Amino acid sequence: MDDTKDPKAAKKAAAKGGAYDGFTDDERAAMKEHAQELKATRTGKRRTKADTEAAVLEKIAEMPDEDRVIAERLHTLIKENAPELTPKLWYGMPAYAKNGKVLCFVQAAAKFSSRYLTLGFDDSARLDDGTLWPTAFAVTELTAAHEKTIAALVRKAAG
């Protein structure tokens, strides 16, 4: 496998003195997607919540089946528990923002060659709990208990 496609292999190559310029192909692609997202917001065309949600749903539909099913359910959970959040794309990932600031995002496993889909929270979500708390969760399955936990986290983040 090409070291630029696998983040771990690329970093190992760098540690061994091999070529590695700091970003994998996946990371570069995410930055390019983010630049396009920013450019779209600066073109003067006002994008509605429906426009940005359609883009998020399109991105979810592109995911492999195992991630797509989970991402669709996460999208529904987030909308039900924090309807004030605006779905948008963020580095090519489905994300949910309040007043333009991303609070949480869904990262497909394929995005950066991960083993699992991730539900992440930005620091603006203020999920602080003592001196140690998680800001991202690996999601391989959604049970009723998981959905209850996620709903509470999303409400707290949006609160």
C-alpha atoms as a PDB file:
ATOM      1  CA  MET A   1       0.000   0.000   0.000  1.00  0.00           C
ATOM      2  CA  ASP A   2       1.162   3.523  -0.770  1.00  0.00           C
ATOM      3  CA  ASP A   3       2.301   5.180   2.492  1.00  0.00           C
ATOM      4  CA  THR A   4       0.421   8.378   1.629  1.00  0.00           C
ATOM      5  CA  LYS A   5      -2.915   6.499   1.703  1.00  0.00           C
ATOM      6  CA  ASP A   6      -2.478   4.986   5.187  1.00  0.00           C
ATOM      7  CA  PRO A   7      -1.854   7.535   7.987  1.00  0.00           C
ATOM      8  CA  LYS A   8      -0.136   5.011  10.243  1.00  0.00           C
ATOM      9  CA  ALA A   9       2.134   3.713   7.501  1.00  0.00           C
ATOM     10  CA  ALA A  10       3.002   7.262   6.443  1.00  0.00           C
ATOM     11  CA  LYS A  11       3.993   8.201   9.980  1.00  0.00           C
ATOM     12  CA  LYS A  12       6.033   5.007  10.352  1.00  0.00           C
ATOM     13  CA  ALA A  13       7.829   5.814   7.097  1.00  0.00           C
ATOM     14  CA  ALA A  14       8.643   9.264   8.423  1.00  0.00           C
ATOM     15  CA  ALA A  15       9.969   7.793  11.658  1.00  0.00           C
ATOM     16  CA  LYS A  16      12.262   5.513   9.621  1.00  0.00           C
ATOM     17  CA  GLY A  17      13.561   8.449   7.620  1.00  0.00           C
ATOM     18  CA  GLY A  18      11.233   7.891   4.664  1.00  0.00           C
ATOM     19  CA  ALA A  19       9.330  10.545   2.756  1.00  0.00           C
ATOM     20  CA  TYR A  20       6.376  12.070   4.559  1.00  0.00           C
ATOM     21  CA  ASP A  21       5.388  15.686   4.161  1.00  0.00           C
ATOM     22  CA  GLY A  22       2.990  15.880   7.116  1.00  0.00           C
ATOM     23  CA  PHE A  23      -0.347  15.092   5.464  1.00  0.00           C
ATOM     24  CA  THR A  24      -1.781  11.928   3.990  1.00  0.00           C
ATOM     25  CA  ASP A  25      -3.768  11.945   0.759  1.00  0.00           C
ATOM     26  CA  ASP A  26      -6.961  11.619   2.837  1.00  0.00           C
ATOM     27  CA  GLU A  27      -6.007  14.623   4.961  1.00  0.00           C
ATOM     28  CA  ARG A  28      -5.186  16.698   1.869  1.00  0.00           C
ATOM     29  CA  ALA A  29      -8.544  15.729   0.323  1.00  0.00           C
ATOM     30  CA  ALA A  30     -10.367  16.790   3.504  1.00  0.00           C
ATOM     31  CA  MET A  31      -8.600  20.158   3.465  1.00  0.00           C
ATOM     32  CA  LYS A  32      -9.550  20.651  -0.189  1.00  0.00           C
ATOM     33  CA  GLU A  33     -13.171  19.816   0.626  1.00  0.00           C
ATOM     34  CA  HIS A  34     -13.103  22.324   3.476  1.00  0.00           C
ATOM     35  CA  ALA A  35     -11.656  25.004   1.212  1.00  0.00           C
ATOM     36  CA  GLN A  36     -14.504  24.378  -1.263  1.00  0.00           C
ATOM     37  CA  GLU A  37     -17.039  24.583   1.594  1.00  0.00           C
ATOM     38  CA  LEU A  38     -15.584  27.927   2.695  1.00  0.00           C
ATOM     39  CA  LYS A  39     -15.525  29.213  -0.874  1.00  0.00           C
ATOM     40  CA  ALA A  40     -19.189  28.274  -1.294  1.00  0.00           C
ATOM     41  CA  THR A  41     -20.110  30.374   1.747  1.00  0.00           C
ATOM     42  CA  ARG A  42     -18.209  33.379   0.354  1.00  0.00           C
ATOM     43  CA  THR A  43     -19.735  33.387  -3.123  1.00  0.00           C
ATOM     44  CA  GLY A  44     -22.551  35.617  -1.962  1.00  0.00           C
ATOM     45  CA  LYS A  45     -25.189  32.958  -2.506  1.00  0.00           C
ATOM     46  CA  ARG A  46     -27.079  32.489   0.732  1.00  0.00           C
ATOM     47  CA  ARG A  47     -27.393  28.795   1.526  1.00  0.00           C
ATOM     48  CA  THR A  48     -30.464  27.761   3.447  1.00  0.00           C
ATOM     49  CA  LYS A  49     -30.641  25.146   6.185  1.00  0.00           C
ATOM     50  CA  ALA A  50     -32.392  22.905   3.638  1.00  0.00           C
ATOM     51  CA  ASP A  51     -29.490  23.358   1.176  1.00  0.00           C
ATOM     52  CA  THR A  52     -26.858  22.448   3.728  1.00  0.00           C
ATOM     53  CA  GLU A  53     -28.921  19.531   5.042  1.00  0.00           C
ATOM     54  CA  ALA A  54     -29.282  18.190   1.490  1.00  0.00           C
ATOM     55  CA  ALA A  55     -25.477  18.298   1.146  1.00  0.00           C
ATOM     56  CA  VAL A  56     -25.100  16.413   4.440  1.00  0.00           C
ATOM     57  CA  LEU A  57     -27.622  13.765   3.383  1.00  0.00           C
ATOM     58  CA  GLU A  58     -25.823  13.384   0.062  1.00  0.00           C
ATOM     59  CA  LYS A  59     -22.511  12.861   1.872  1.00  0.00           C
ATOM     60  CA  ILE A  60     -24.119  10.280   4.174  1.00  0.00           C
ATOM     61  CA  ALA A  61     -25.589   8.465   1.159  1.00  0.00           C
ATOM     62  CA  GLU A  62     -22.056   8.116  -0.281  1.00  0.00           C
ATOM     63  CA  MET A  63     -20.824   6.217   2.795  1.00  0.00           C
ATOM     64  CA  PRO A  64     -20.339   2.439   2.769  1.00  0.00           C
ATOM     65  CA  ASP A  65     -23.475   0.641   3.995  1.00  0.00           C
ATOM     66  CA  GLU A  66     -22.277  -0.114   7.534  1.00  0.00           C
ATOM     67  CA  ASP A  67     -21.385   3.554   8.146  1.00  0.00           C
ATOM     68  CA  ARG A  68     -24.320   4.947   6.191  1.00  0.00           C
ATOM     69  CA  VAL A  69     -26.901   3.169   8.372  1.00  0.00           C
ATOM     70  CA  ILE A  70     -25.314   4.508  11.563  1.00  0.00           C
ATOM     71  CA  ALA A  71     -24.788   8.007  10.125  1.00  0.00           C
ATOM     72  CA  GLU A  72     -28.429   8.201   9.012  1.00  0.00           C
ATOM     73  CA  ARG A  73     -29.587   7.308  12.522  1.00  0.00           C
ATOM     74  CA  LEU A  74     -27.148   9.784  14.101  1.00  0.00           C
ATOM     75  CA  HIS A  75     -28.460  12.495  11.763  1.00  0.00           C
ATOM     76  CA  THR A  76     -32.015  11.773  12.922  1.00  0.00           C
ATOM     77  CA  LEU A  77     -31.013  11.676  16.600  1.00  0.00           C
ATOM     78  CA  ILE A  78     -29.184  14.990  16.339  1.00  0.00           C
ATOM     79  CA  LYS A  79     -32.082  16.674  14.522  1.00  0.00           C
ATOM     80  CA  GLU A  80     -34.634  15.345  17.039  1.00  0.00           C
ATOM     81  CA  ASN A  81     -32.630  16.357  20.108  1.00  0.00           C
ATOM     82  CA  ALA A  82     -31.180  19.644  18.887  1.00  0.00           C
ATOM     83  CA  PRO A  83     -33.380  20.995  16.095  1.00  0.00           C
ATOM     84  CA  GLU A  84     -31.690  24.389  16.429  1.00  0.00           C
ATOM     85  CA  LEU A  85     -28.440  22.952  15.023  1.00  0.00           C
ATOM     86  CA  THR A  86     -27.765  23.468  11.336  1.00  0.00           C
ATOM     87  CA  PRO A  87     -26.487  20.473   9.373  1.00  0.00           C
ATOM     88  CA  LYS A  88     -23.494  21.388   7.208  1.00  0.00           C
ATOM     89  CA  LEU A  89     -20.412  19.846   5.668  1.00  0.00           C
ATOM     90  CA  TRP A  90     -17.166  20.310   7.568  1.00  0.00           C
ATOM     91  CA  TYR A  91     -13.979  18.981   5.971  1.00  0.00           C
ATOM     92  CA  GLY A  92     -16.291  16.848   3.836  1.00  0.00           C
ATOM     93  CA  MET A  93     -17.977  15.286   6.865  1.00  0.00           C
ATOM     94  CA  PRO A  94     -21.551  15.668   8.099  1.00  0.00           C
ATOM     95  CA  ALA A  95     -21.499  18.217  10.912  1.00  0.00           C
ATOM     96  CA  TYR A  96     -23.976  20.147  13.021  1.00  0.00           C
ATOM     97  CA  ALA A  97     -23.437  23.777  13.941  1.00  0.00           C
ATOM     98  CA  LYS A  98     -24.901  26.403  16.233  1.00  0.00           C
ATOM     99  CA  ASN A  99     -24.483  30.006  15.096  1.00  0.00           C
ATOM    100  CA  GLY A 100     -22.015  28.830  12.462  1.00  0.00           C
ATOM    101  CA  LYS A 101     -19.765  26.989  14.938  1.00  0.00           C
ATOM    102  CA  VAL A 102     -19.531  23.201  14.557  1.00  0.00           C
ATOM    103  CA  LEU A 103     -20.598  21.380  17.716  1.00  0.00           C
ATOM    104  CA  CYS A 104     -20.460  17.798  16.519  1.00  0.00           C
ATOM    105  CA  PHE A 105     -19.583  15.802  13.425  1.00  0.00           C
ATOM    106  CA  VAL A 106     -19.781  12.305  11.994  1.00  0.00           C
ATOM    107  CA  GLN A 107     -16.602  10.886  10.523  1.00  0.00           C
ATOM    108  CA  ALA A 108     -17.013   7.776   8.375  1.00  0.00           C
ATOM    109  CA  ALA A 109     -14.466   5.029   8.898  1.00  0.00           C
ATOM    110  CA  ALA A 110     -13.295   5.394   5.304  1.00  0.00           C
ATOM    111  CA  LYS A 111     -12.608   9.123   5.756  1.00  0.00           C
ATOM    112  CA  PHE A 112      -9.141   8.618   7.218  1.00  0.00           C
ATOM    113  CA  SER A 113      -8.812   4.829   6.925  1.00  0.00           C
ATOM    114  CA  SER A 114     -10.146   4.282  10.451  1.00  0.00           C
ATOM    115  CA  ARG A 115     -11.554   1.047  11.804  1.00  0.00           C
ATOM    116  CA  TYR A 116     -14.874   2.623  12.774  1.00  0.00           C
ATOM    117  CA  LEU A 117     -17.221   5.545  12.307  1.00  0.00           C
ATOM    118  CA  THR A 118     -16.715   8.314  14.863  1.00  0.00           C
ATOM    119  CA  LEU A 119     -19.119  10.781  16.454  1.00  0.00           C
ATOM    120  CA  GLY A 120     -16.992  13.722  17.520  1.00  0.00           C
ATOM    121  CA  PHE A 121     -17.652  16.868  19.512  1.00  0.00           C
ATOM    122  CA  ASP A 122     -15.803  20.163  19.107  1.00  0.00           C
ATOM    123  CA  ASP A 123     -14.590  21.914  22.246  1.00  0.00           C
ATOM    124  CA  SER A 124     -17.364  24.482  21.798  1.00  0.00           C
ATOM    125  CA  ALA A 125     -19.799  21.678  22.713  1.00  0.00           C
ATOM    126  CA  ARG A 126     -18.751  22.144  26.353  1.00  0.00           C
ATOM    127  CA  LEU A 127     -19.224  18.557  27.411  1.00  0.00           C
ATOM    128  CA  ASP A 128     -16.731  19.193  30.204  1.00  0.00           C
ATOM    129  CA  ASP A 129     -17.036  16.724  33.058  1.00  0.00           C
ATOM    130  CA  GLY A 130     -14.346  17.131  35.708  1.00  0.00           C
ATOM    131  CA  THR A 131     -10.793  16.979  34.413  1.00  0.00           C
ATOM    132  CA  LEU A 132     -11.151  14.126  31.896  1.00  0.00           C
ATOM    133  CA  TRP A 133     -13.924  13.452  29.369  1.00  0.00           C
ATOM    134  CA  PRO A 134     -14.249  12.000  25.883  1.00  0.00           C
ATOM    135  CA  THR A 135     -14.725  14.238  22.871  1.00  0.00           C
ATOM    136  CA  ALA A 136     -15.163  11.475  20.280  1.00  0.00           C
ATOM    137  CA  PHE A 137     -16.895   8.132  20.297  1.00  0.00           C
ATOM    138  CA  ALA A 138     -16.285   5.115  18.089  1.00  0.00           C
ATOM    139  CA  VAL A 139     -19.670   3.877  16.929  1.00  0.00           C
ATOM    140  CA  THR A 140     -19.941   0.368  15.513  1.00  0.00           C
ATOM    141  CA  GLU A 141     -23.564  -0.221  16.475  1.00  0.00           C
ATOM    142  CA  LEU A 142     -26.425   1.820  17.882  1.00  0.00           C
ATOM    143  CA  THR A 143     -28.446   0.250  20.668  1.00  0.00           C
ATOM    144  CA  ALA A 144     -31.305   1.944  22.514  1.00  0.00           C
ATOM    145  CA  ALA A 145     -28.897   2.707  25.381  1.00  0.00           C
ATOM    146  CA  HIS A 146     -26.357   4.229  22.978  1.00  0.00           C
ATOM    147  CA  GLU A 147     -29.050   6.371  21.390  1.00  0.00           C
ATOM    148  CA  LYS A 148     -30.132   7.622  24.823  1.00  0.00           C
ATOM    149  CA  THR A 149     -26.529   8.560  25.685  1.00  0.00           C
ATOM    150  CA  ILE A 150     -25.991  10.285  22.338  1.00  0.00           C
ATOM    151  CA  ALA A 151     -29.280  12.193  22.665  1.00  0.00           C
ATOM    152  CA  ALA A 152     -28.218  13.483  26.097  1.00  0.00           C
ATOM    153  CA  LEU A 153     -24.773  14.501  24.809  1.00  0.00           C
ATOM    154  CA  VAL A 154     -26.265  16.329  21.825  1.00  0.00           C
ATOM    155  CA  ARG A 155     -28.771  18.186  24.025  1.00  0.00           C
ATOM    156  CA  LYS A 156     -25.991  19.199  26.415  1.00  0.00           C
ATOM    157  CA  ALA A 157     -23.746  20.283  23.547  1.00  0.00           C
ATOM    158  CA  ALA A 158     -26.501  22.381  21.994  1.00  0.00           C
ATOM    159  CA  GLY A 159     -27.683  23.752  25.337  1.00  0.00           C
END
